[in-house]
Protein backbone atom coordinates (compact mmCIF):
# COMPACT_ATOMS: atom_id res chain seq x y z
CA MET A 1 -3.42 -23.64 30.46
CA THR A 2 -0.62 -21.21 29.65
CA HIS A 3 0.61 -20.66 26.15
CA GLY A 4 4.07 -21.86 25.32
CA ILE A 5 5.97 -24.92 24.31
CA ARG A 6 4.75 -28.12 25.89
CA SER A 7 7.88 -30.01 26.88
CA GLU A 8 6.34 -33.44 26.31
CA MET A 9 5.64 -32.44 22.69
CA HIS A 10 8.94 -30.69 21.94
CA THR A 11 11.95 -32.84 22.64
CA SER A 12 15.58 -32.12 22.01
CA TYR A 13 17.71 -35.20 22.08
CA VAL A 14 20.81 -35.39 24.28
CA ASP A 15 22.82 -37.24 21.64
CA GLY A 16 22.74 -34.19 19.35
CA ARG A 17 19.85 -35.27 17.13
CA HIS A 18 17.19 -32.67 16.50
CA ASP A 19 13.45 -33.11 16.46
CA TRP A 20 11.46 -32.31 13.31
CA ARG A 21 10.70 -28.72 14.39
CA GLU A 22 14.36 -27.87 14.80
CA ASN A 23 15.14 -29.45 11.42
CA ALA A 24 12.26 -27.59 9.79
CA THR A 25 13.45 -24.31 11.27
CA HIS A 26 17.04 -25.01 10.25
CA TYR A 27 16.12 -25.73 6.62
CA ALA A 28 13.26 -23.22 6.29
CA LEU A 29 15.05 -21.02 3.73
CA LEU A 30 16.17 -23.89 1.51
CA PRO A 31 12.96 -24.07 -0.59
CA LEU A 32 13.15 -20.31 -1.11
CA ARG A 33 16.80 -20.57 -2.21
CA VAL A 34 16.01 -23.36 -4.65
CA PHE A 35 12.95 -21.60 -6.09
CA LEU A 36 14.63 -18.22 -6.51
CA GLY A 37 17.85 -19.75 -7.81
CA ILE A 38 16.15 -21.85 -10.47
CA THR A 39 13.74 -19.05 -11.39
CA PHE A 40 16.50 -16.47 -11.89
CA ILE A 41 18.70 -18.91 -13.83
CA TYR A 42 15.73 -19.71 -16.06
CA ALA A 43 14.90 -16.01 -16.52
CA GLY A 44 18.49 -15.20 -17.49
CA LEU A 45 18.74 -18.10 -19.94
CA ASP A 46 15.32 -17.25 -21.38
CA LYS A 47 16.46 -13.70 -22.13
CA LEU A 48 19.75 -14.85 -23.67
CA THR A 49 18.06 -17.39 -25.95
CA ASP A 50 15.15 -15.19 -27.05
CA ARG A 51 16.11 -13.66 -30.39
CA ALA A 52 13.44 -10.98 -30.15
CA PHE A 53 14.26 -9.86 -26.59
CA LEU A 54 17.85 -8.71 -27.11
CA LYS A 55 17.00 -6.09 -29.75
CA SER A 56 16.49 -2.37 -29.46
CA GLY A 57 13.16 -2.51 -31.30
CA GLY A 58 10.49 -4.86 -32.53
CA SER A 59 7.85 -7.07 -31.01
CA GLY A 60 9.05 -8.61 -27.74
CA SER A 61 12.25 -6.57 -27.63
CA ILE A 62 13.71 -5.05 -24.49
CA GLY A 63 13.66 -1.67 -26.22
CA ASP A 64 9.94 -1.78 -26.99
CA THR A 65 9.17 -3.08 -23.51
CA MET A 66 11.07 -0.20 -21.92
CA ARG A 67 9.42 2.38 -24.17
CA ALA A 68 5.97 0.92 -23.35
CA VAL A 69 6.45 1.22 -19.58
CA ARG A 70 8.36 4.49 -19.47
CA ASP A 71 5.43 6.82 -18.79
CA SER A 72 3.77 4.53 -16.24
CA SER A 73 6.89 3.67 -14.23
CA ALA A 74 7.61 5.09 -10.79
CA VAL A 75 11.13 6.10 -11.88
CA PRO A 76 11.14 7.07 -15.58
CA ALA A 77 14.80 8.10 -15.27
CA LEU A 78 15.69 4.44 -14.70
CA VAL A 79 13.89 3.51 -17.91
CA ASP A 80 15.62 6.38 -19.75
CA LEU A 81 18.96 5.03 -18.56
CA ALA A 82 18.11 1.57 -19.91
CA LEU A 83 16.93 3.10 -23.20
CA LYS A 84 20.36 4.66 -23.85
CA ASN A 85 21.53 1.14 -24.71
CA PRO A 86 18.61 -1.31 -24.50
CA VAL A 87 20.57 -4.26 -25.87
CA GLY A 88 23.40 -3.72 -23.38
CA PHE A 89 20.83 -3.35 -20.62
CA GLY A 90 19.16 -6.59 -21.74
CA TYR A 91 22.47 -8.46 -21.60
CA ALA A 92 23.29 -6.94 -18.21
CA MET A 93 19.88 -8.01 -16.89
CA ALA A 94 20.24 -11.55 -18.27
CA PHE A 95 23.77 -12.08 -16.94
CA GLY A 96 22.81 -10.45 -13.63
CA GLU A 97 19.90 -12.88 -13.25
CA LEU A 98 22.19 -15.80 -14.08
CA ALA A 99 24.82 -14.72 -11.55
CA VAL A 100 22.21 -14.15 -8.84
CA GLY A 101 20.51 -17.47 -9.56
CA VAL A 102 23.71 -19.52 -9.54
CA GLY A 103 25.06 -17.67 -6.49
CA ILE A 104 21.98 -18.28 -4.36
CA LEU A 105 21.46 -21.84 -5.60
CA ILE A 106 24.98 -23.02 -4.74
CA GLY A 107 25.27 -20.62 -1.82
CA LEU A 108 28.35 -18.71 -2.94
CA PHE A 109 28.45 -15.10 -1.76
CA SER A 110 24.80 -15.75 -0.98
CA ARG A 111 24.03 -12.46 0.79
CA LEU A 112 25.53 -10.54 -2.11
CA ALA A 113 23.60 -12.70 -4.60
CA ALA A 114 20.38 -12.14 -2.64
CA LEU A 115 21.04 -8.40 -2.56
CA GLY A 116 21.54 -8.49 -6.33
CA GLY A 117 18.26 -10.38 -6.72
CA ALA A 118 16.48 -7.88 -4.49
CA LEU A 119 17.87 -4.95 -6.50
CA ILE A 120 16.83 -6.55 -9.80
CA SER A 121 13.34 -7.17 -8.42
CA LEU A 122 13.14 -3.64 -7.01
CA SER A 123 14.17 -2.08 -10.32
CA LEU A 124 11.64 -4.21 -12.22
CA TRP A 125 8.91 -3.33 -9.74
CA LEU A 126 9.64 0.42 -10.00
CA THR A 127 9.67 0.30 -13.79
CA VAL A 128 7.93 -2.61 -15.52
CA SER A 129 5.30 -3.73 -13.01
CA TRP A 130 4.68 -0.45 -11.17
CA ALA A 131 1.41 0.20 -13.00
CA SER A 132 -0.06 -3.23 -12.20
CA THR A 133 -3.48 -2.77 -10.63
CA PRO A 134 -4.06 -4.01 -8.03
CA TYR A 135 -0.41 -3.97 -7.00
CA TYR A 136 -0.32 -7.69 -6.17
CA TYR A 137 -0.87 -8.62 -9.82
CA GLY A 138 2.72 -7.59 -10.52
CA ASN A 139 5.08 -10.29 -9.28
CA ASP A 140 8.24 -8.18 -8.88
CA LEU A 141 7.23 -6.85 -5.46
CA ALA A 142 6.67 -10.43 -4.22
CA TYR A 143 10.11 -11.42 -5.54
CA LEU A 144 11.64 -8.43 -3.75
CA MET A 145 10.05 -9.54 -0.47
CA ALA A 146 11.21 -13.14 -1.08
CA TRP A 147 14.82 -12.01 -1.44
CA LEU A 148 14.91 -10.09 1.85
CA PRO A 149 15.16 -13.11 4.21
CA LEU A 150 18.09 -14.36 2.14
CA VAL A 151 19.77 -10.95 2.27
CA LEU A 152 19.52 -11.14 6.07
CA ALA A 153 20.34 -14.83 6.62
CA GLY A 154 22.44 -15.77 3.61
CA ALA A 155 22.88 -19.49 3.01
CA PRO A 156 24.25 -20.84 6.30
CA TYR A 157 23.91 -24.53 5.33
CA LEU A 158 24.14 -26.71 2.23
CA SER A 159 26.19 -23.98 0.60
CA LEU A 160 29.70 -23.14 -0.51
CA ASP A 161 29.58 -20.24 1.96
CA SER A 162 29.22 -22.70 4.85
CA VAL A 163 32.05 -24.88 3.51
CA LEU A 164 34.35 -21.86 3.22
CA ARG A 165 33.35 -20.62 6.68
CA THR A 166 34.09 -24.04 8.23
CA ARG A 167 37.48 -24.19 6.51
CA ARG A 168 38.36 -20.69 7.70
CA GLN A 169 37.35 -21.50 11.28
CA SER A 170 39.31 -24.76 11.32
CA GLY A 171 42.40 -23.11 9.87
CA THR A 172 42.59 -25.38 6.80
CA PHE A 173 41.85 -22.52 4.42
CA HIS A 174 44.68 -20.16 3.59
């Protein structure tokens, strides 16, 4: 027997319907979009509503967190930059996570939102979770890898991007 697709098991319908494999392939990135969107929205809201986080010092503050990871980070200069204004950096991180989460969840400027999510995850991996041993204990690298398929593919369905693209192609969008 040769390896390949057995035609009696893989049927495309002539009336335009798709079999379950085609549907699964088509919607494969949707769970990732939903998970990352909700997670980043939650992370942004959590930072904005945490009274201790948005302070330059004190237990649980962004300032103390940055000072604690500075010497173990891969890029201490990034931490030094954040420490110039830790509260401003905390707000920027929170609003960035919110924008990324909403963008990827509703599929508006989805590649840009995914790139933003990847950059946030990369910066957190290189600073906060860099010293995690073994490396897979730190979740920021996994988040970075999860964003990459969405950077490449965007949100081609069930998204505002797809609605706008369809309108542009049909000429109803000016």
